[in-house]
Protein backbone atom coordinates (compact mmCIF):
# COMPACT_ATOMS: atom_id res chain seq x y z
CA UNK A 1 -0.01 0.03 -0.09
CA UNK A 2 1.23 3.49 -0.70
CA UNK A 3 -0.17 7.21 -0.75
CA UNK A 4 -0.60 9.61 -3.42
CA UNK A 5 -0.73 13.27 -2.31
CA UNK A 6 -4.14 14.93 -2.65
CA UNK A 7 -4.86 18.52 -2.28
CA UNK A 8 -3.30 20.45 0.35
CA UNK A 9 -5.31 21.60 3.48
CA UNK A 10 -5.82 25.42 3.81
CA UNK A 11 -3.93 27.04 6.63
CA UNK A 12 -5.91 28.37 9.42
CA UNK A 13 -8.60 25.57 9.25
CA UNK A 14 -9.51 22.45 11.04
CA UNK A 15 -10.37 19.09 9.36
CA UNK A 16 -11.22 15.59 10.22
CA UNK A 17 -10.58 12.36 8.47
CA UNK A 18 -11.87 8.90 8.87
CA UNK A 19 -8.97 6.63 10.09
CA UNK A 20 -10.48 3.64 11.75
CA UNK A 21 -7.29 1.57 11.90
CA UNK A 22 -4.61 3.31 14.07
CA UNK A 23 -1.66 1.83 11.73
CA UNK A 24 -3.04 3.54 8.76
CA UNK A 25 -2.82 6.89 10.57
CA UNK A 26 0.74 6.15 11.59
CA UNK A 27 1.81 5.25 8.12
CA UNK A 28 0.45 8.35 6.88
CA UNK A 29 2.15 10.51 9.68
CA UNK A 30 5.26 8.70 8.95
CA UNK A 31 5.10 9.37 5.16
CA UNK A 32 4.13 13.04 5.69
CA UNK A 33 7.00 13.63 8.03
CA UNK A 34 9.43 12.88 5.30
CA UNK A 35 8.48 16.34 3.85
CA UNK A 36 10.26 19.39 5.30
CA UNK A 37 7.29 21.66 4.48
CA UNK A 38 5.37 21.59 7.78
CA UNK A 39 6.28 21.02 11.54
CA UNK A 40 4.27 18.11 12.61
CA UNK A 41 2.68 17.84 16.12
CA UNK A 42 1.06 14.58 17.09
CA UNK A 43 -1.11 14.20 20.29
CA UNK A 44 -1.68 10.44 20.62
CA UNK A 45 -3.06 7.72 22.97
CA UNK A 46 -0.10 5.66 22.24
CA UNK A 47 3.04 5.83 24.42
CA UNK A 48 6.40 6.61 22.64
CA UNK A 49 7.84 3.17 22.71
CA UNK A 50 4.81 2.06 20.55
CA UNK A 51 5.19 5.16 18.05
CA UNK A 52 8.79 4.21 17.65
CA UNK A 53 7.82 1.08 15.77
CA UNK A 54 6.00 3.21 13.16
CA UNK A 55 7.16 6.82 12.88
CA UNK A 56 10.57 8.57 13.22
CA UNK A 57 9.84 10.61 16.41
CA UNK A 58 13.01 12.81 15.61
CA UNK A 59 10.82 14.33 12.86
CA UNK A 60 7.46 14.37 14.74
CA UNK A 61 6.86 16.44 18.00
CA UNK A 62 4.96 13.78 19.77
CA UNK A 63 3.05 13.75 22.98
CA UNK A 64 1.31 10.81 24.98
CA UNK A 65 -2.10 11.92 26.01
CA UNK A 66 -2.38 10.12 29.34
CA UNK A 67 -3.15 10.57 32.97
CA UNK A 68 0.29 9.44 33.88
CA UNK A 69 2.84 12.29 34.73
CA UNK A 70 6.05 12.38 32.58
CA UNK A 71 8.01 14.00 29.95
CA UNK A 72 6.36 14.76 26.67
CA UNK A 73 2.93 13.54 28.43
CA UNK A 74 -0.06 15.46 28.29
CA UNK A 75 -3.19 14.91 30.25
CA UNK A 76 -6.49 14.51 28.43
CA UNK A 77 -7.61 17.96 29.84
CA UNK A 78 -9.19 20.46 27.47
CA UNK A 79 -7.38 23.38 29.08
CA UNK A 80 -3.89 21.68 28.83
CA UNK A 81 -4.53 20.56 25.27
CA UNK A 82 -5.63 23.98 24.40
CA UNK A 83 -2.59 25.70 25.99
CA UNK A 84 -0.10 23.47 24.17
CA UNK A 85 -2.02 24.06 20.69
CA UNK A 86 -2.02 27.77 21.46
CA UNK A 87 1.63 27.90 22.17
CA UNK A 88 2.20 26.01 18.93
CA UNK A 89 0.07 28.10 16.57
CA UNK A 90 1.62 31.36 17.60
CA UNK A 91 4.83 30.47 15.98
CA UNK A 92 6.01 29.31 12.54
CA UNK A 93 3.85 26.96 10.55
CA UNK A 94 2.63 23.19 10.54
CA UNK A 95 0.13 20.58 11.28
CA UNK A 96 -1.30 19.31 14.37
CA UNK A 97 -2.89 15.87 14.63
CA UNK A 98 -5.09 15.35 17.65
CA UNK A 99 -5.91 11.64 17.89
CA UNK A 100 -8.31 10.18 20.41
CA UNK A 101 -11.31 12.07 19.73
CA UNK A 102 -13.44 9.16 20.99
CA UNK A 103 -11.74 9.03 24.29
CA UNK A 104 -12.19 12.76 24.77
CA UNK A 105 -15.78 12.85 24.12
CA UNK A 106 -16.26 10.03 26.51
CA UNK A 107 -14.31 11.97 29.11
CA UNK A 108 -16.07 15.51 28.54
CA UNK A 109 -19.14 14.88 26.84
CA UNK A 110 -20.31 15.71 23.37
CA UNK A 111 -21.70 19.37 24.14
CA UNK A 112 -18.42 20.28 25.96
CA UNK A 113 -16.19 18.63 23.08
CA UNK A 114 -18.03 20.76 20.40
CA UNK A 115 -17.59 23.86 22.21
CA UNK A 116 -13.97 23.02 22.58
CA UNK A 117 -13.60 22.35 18.66
CA UNK A 118 -15.38 25.64 18.06
CA UNK A 119 -12.75 27.48 20.13
CA UNK A 120 -9.89 25.68 18.31
CA UNK A 121 -11.51 26.86 14.92
CA UNK A 122 -11.53 30.36 16.05
CA UNK A 123 -8.00 30.12 17.47
CA UNK A 124 -6.72 28.70 14.20
CA UNK A 125 -8.22 31.37 11.94
CA UNK A 126 -5.56 33.40 10.09
CA UNK A 127 -2.75 31.30 11.35
CA UNK A 128 -0.33 29.30 9.39
CA UNK A 129 -1.20 26.02 10.94
CA UNK A 130 -3.87 23.40 10.27
CA UNK A 131 -5.51 20.95 12.82
CA UNK A 132 -6.66 17.43 11.90
CA UNK A 133 -8.90 15.16 13.98
CA UNK A 134 -8.47 11.57 12.68
CA UNK A 135 -11.22 9.40 14.02
CA UNK A 136 -13.41 6.34 13.60
CA UNK A 137 -16.75 8.02 12.67
CA UNK A 138 -18.67 4.72 13.57
CA UNK A 139 -17.99 5.54 17.19
CA UNK A 140 -20.17 8.62 17.30
CA UNK A 141 -23.73 9.63 17.41
CA UNK A 142 -24.69 10.76 13.71
CA UNK A 143 -26.34 13.94 14.82
CA UNK A 144 -23.39 14.85 16.87
CA UNK A 145 -21.12 13.73 13.97
CA UNK A 146 -23.11 16.18 11.48
CA UNK A 147 -22.56 19.03 13.75
CA UNK A 148 -18.75 18.17 14.24
CA UNK A 149 -18.26 18.16 10.62
CA UNK A 150 -19.72 21.61 10.23
CA UNK A 151 -16.64 22.51 12.36
CA UNK A 152 -14.14 20.17 11.01
CA UNK A 153 -15.36 19.04 7.45
CA UNK A 154 -13.95 15.99 6.24
CA UNK A 155 -10.88 16.10 4.02
CA UNK A 156 -9.49 13.27 1.94
CA UNK A 157 -5.82 13.80 2.73
CA UNK A 158 -4.69 10.89 0.47
CA UNK A 159 -5.76 8.20 -1.97
CA UNK A 160 -4.36 4.83 -0.64
CA UNK A 161 -3.20 2.66 -3.61
CA UNK A 162 -3.41 -1.18 -3.21
CA UNK A 163 -1.99 -3.70 -5.56
CA UNK A 164 -3.44 -7.25 -5.75
CA UNK A 165 -2.44 -10.07 -7.80
CA UNK A 166 -5.22 -12.17 -9.10
CA UNK A 167 -6.12 -14.37 -11.91
CA UNK A 168 -8.74 -12.29 -13.31
CA UNK A 169 -9.80 -8.55 -13.33
CA UNK A 170 -12.76 -7.20 -11.08
CA UNK A 171 -14.94 -4.52 -12.42
CA UNK A 172 -14.31 -1.49 -10.27
CA UNK A 173 -17.29 -0.48 -8.31
CA UNK A 174 -18.58 3.01 -8.76
CA UNK A 175 -18.75 4.80 -5.33
CA UNK A 176 -20.03 8.26 -4.94
CA UNK A 177 -18.86 10.34 -1.95
CA UNK A 178 -21.32 12.08 0.29
CA UNK A 179 -20.61 15.76 0.35
CA UNK A 180 -18.99 16.59 3.81
CA UNK A 181 -21.55 19.41 4.46
CA UNK A 182 -24.83 17.56 4.44
CA UNK A 183 -27.90 19.83 4.01
CA UNK A 184 -30.36 19.78 6.94
CA UNK A 185 -34.20 19.53 6.95
CA UNK A 186 -36.26 22.34 8.30
CA UNK A 187 -36.37 20.13 11.38
CA UNK A 188 -32.66 20.23 11.73
CA UNK A 189 -32.03 16.72 10.71
CA UNK A 190 -29.66 15.83 8.07
CA UNK A 191 -31.20 15.54 4.65
CA UNK A 192 -31.63 12.04 3.02
CA UNK A 193 -30.09 11.36 -0.35
CA UNK A 194 -30.79 8.18 -2.50
CA UNK A 195 -27.43 6.29 -3.21
CA UNK A 196 -26.76 4.02 -5.95
CA UNK A 197 -26.76 0.34 -4.97
CA UNK A 198 -23.41 -1.54 -4.51
CA UNK A 199 -23.16 -4.53 -6.87
CA UNK A 200 -21.78 -7.93 -5.46
CA UNK A 201 -19.03 -7.92 -7.94
CA UNK A 202 -16.26 -5.97 -6.34
CA UNK A 203 -18.08 -5.56 -3.12
CA UNK A 204 -15.45 -5.42 -0.24
CA UNK A 205 -15.60 -4.58 3.52
CA UNK A 206 -13.90 -1.21 2.96
CA UNK A 207 -16.56 -0.29 0.58
CA UNK A 208 -19.19 -1.44 3.01
CA UNK A 209 -17.61 0.72 5.81
CA UNK A 210 -17.74 3.80 3.38
CA UNK A 211 -21.38 3.12 2.71
CA UNK A 212 -22.18 2.71 6.60
CA UNK A 213 -20.42 6.16 7.09
CA UNK A 214 -22.53 7.91 4.17
CA UNK A 215 -25.71 6.46 5.85
CA UNK A 216 -24.69 7.54 9.23
CA UNK A 217 -23.63 11.15 8.13
CA UNK A 218 -27.39 11.43 6.90
CA UNK A 219 -28.46 10.67 10.40
CA UNK A 220 -29.60 7.06 9.72
CA UNK A 221 -29.47 4.43 12.30
CA UNK A 222 -27.89 1.29 10.35
CA UNK A 223 -26.41 -0.41 13.38
CA UNK A 224 -28.27 -3.49 11.86
CA UNK A 225 -25.78 -3.84 9.20
CA UNK A 226 -22.51 -3.11 10.94
CA UNK A 227 -22.18 -7.02 11.91
CA UNK A 228 -21.76 -7.45 8.15
CA UNK A 229 -18.16 -5.81 8.60
CA UNK A 230 -17.24 -9.25 10.21
CA UNK A 231 -19.27 -11.90 8.18
CA UNK A 232 -18.19 -13.92 5.14
CA UNK A 233 -18.46 -12.04 1.82
CA UNK A 234 -21.73 -13.64 0.52
CA UNK A 235 -23.36 -13.24 4.28
CA UNK A 236 -22.00 -9.81 4.49
CA UNK A 237 -23.64 -8.73 1.21
CA UNK A 238 -26.80 -10.35 1.87
CA UNK A 239 -26.98 -8.36 5.17
CA UNK A 240 -26.02 -5.20 3.36
CA UNK A 241 -28.87 -5.75 0.77
CA UNK A 242 -31.49 -6.26 3.33
CA UNK A 243 -30.68 -3.08 5.07
CA UNK A 244 -30.18 -1.10 1.72
CA UNK A 245 -33.70 -1.83 0.89
CA UNK A 246 -34.83 -0.35 4.18
CA UNK A 247 -32.86 2.68 3.69
CA UNK A 248 -34.25 3.19 0.00
CA UNK A 249 -37.88 2.94 1.43
CA UNK A 250 -36.97 5.44 4.09
CA UNK A 251 -35.75 7.82 1.51
CA UNK A 252 -38.66 7.53 -0.74
CA UNK A 253 -41.06 7.76 2.27
CA UNK A 254 -39.47 10.94 3.50
CA UNK A 255 -40.06 12.39 -0.16
CA UNK A 256 -43.58 11.48 0.32
CA UNK A 257 -43.75 13.32 3.60
CA UNK A 258 -42.12 16.49 2.17
CA UNK A 259 -44.89 16.37 -0.60
CA UNK A 260 -47.82 16.31 1.87
CA UNK A 261 -46.05 18.54 4.43
CA UNK A 262 -48.68 21.11 4.52
CA UNK A 263 -51.23 18.33 5.72
CA UNK A 264 -49.29 17.27 8.70
CA UNK A 265 -48.67 19.12 11.98
CA UNK A 266 -45.18 20.23 12.96
CA UNK A 267 -44.83 17.48 15.59
CA UNK A 268 -46.34 14.77 13.17
CA UNK A 269 -43.55 15.60 10.51
CA UNK A 270 -40.70 15.86 12.94
CA UNK A 271 -41.69 12.69 14.79
CA UNK A 272 -42.06 10.80 11.45
CA UNK A 273 -38.78 12.05 10.14
CA UNK A 274 -36.99 10.93 13.41
CA UNK A 275 -38.59 7.56 13.01
CA UNK A 276 -37.50 7.28 9.54
CA UNK A 277 -34.01 7.53 10.43
CA UNK A 278 -34.08 5.08 12.98
CA UNK A 279 -35.50 2.93 10.15
CA UNK A 280 -38.52 1.97 12.54
CA UNK A 281 -42.39 2.07 12.11
CA UNK A 282 -41.95 2.60 8.24
CA UNK A 283 -45.06 0.89 7.34
CA UNK A 284 -47.04 2.99 9.85
CA UNK A 285 -45.66 6.17 8.42
CA UNK A 286 -46.48 4.84 4.92
CA UNK A 287 -50.22 4.13 6.04
CA UNK A 288 -50.27 7.67 7.75
CA UNK A 289 -49.21 9.46 4.42
CA UNK A 290 -51.59 7.28 2.25
CA UNK A 291 -54.47 8.49 4.77
CA UNK A 292 -53.96 12.05 3.88
């Protein structure tokens, strides 16, 4: 596997990227540290002895985020993190990678973390630094994740290149990307978009993970399909197809609701759209719409 450099992040902004596997993130940091363009600051949940196996810490300013006291350690305290970041962005230029958002949200709560991120966004404005939050998006509530992405939009840092030797060529799967900034409905819910079906030919767990993220960014509760990430290929696709059918019915049902929006009370509309995103009670909602 290798990396192809993509578009550069704009200085003075914060971004997020989906890196569910820690090894992939460390591989990217090591690759990026070979360039002299930026000073890299990495705040990680891994101790330095673990990082040494993956990156050259002589080229990356690293901190172990831990409750332990020690040199190059930093507590998962928001004031401490803010002071460190503030001290760096006042000088020179570079990139800060803050890993462990899942842990920080658990420690401090969703609302507090969102305010913290907004503060960092304001701090970085007009500086020569960028701040990146790598995370596993499946670990977060979809509504909170949509709000987070408004402050730290998704950025495709690199395209990963994988080479495989096989006796036959597989047809590439066309896979559309959901825009990072998803439009919201009048009720403040992420808007639903009809996505293309994924064919079984070329279907992989990596593609399934991306599709799950697309659905979750729209606020859909698709936890039912997540076990497919650990099933055999045929069983995985079968479960995906079942949930795909529910999602398509949900999208179509929301369109019907919007067509008859004037005939529904505000509470009926909001409740129905919320249930649609939970993929529950779809038949009841259809009956309600058809009775209008």
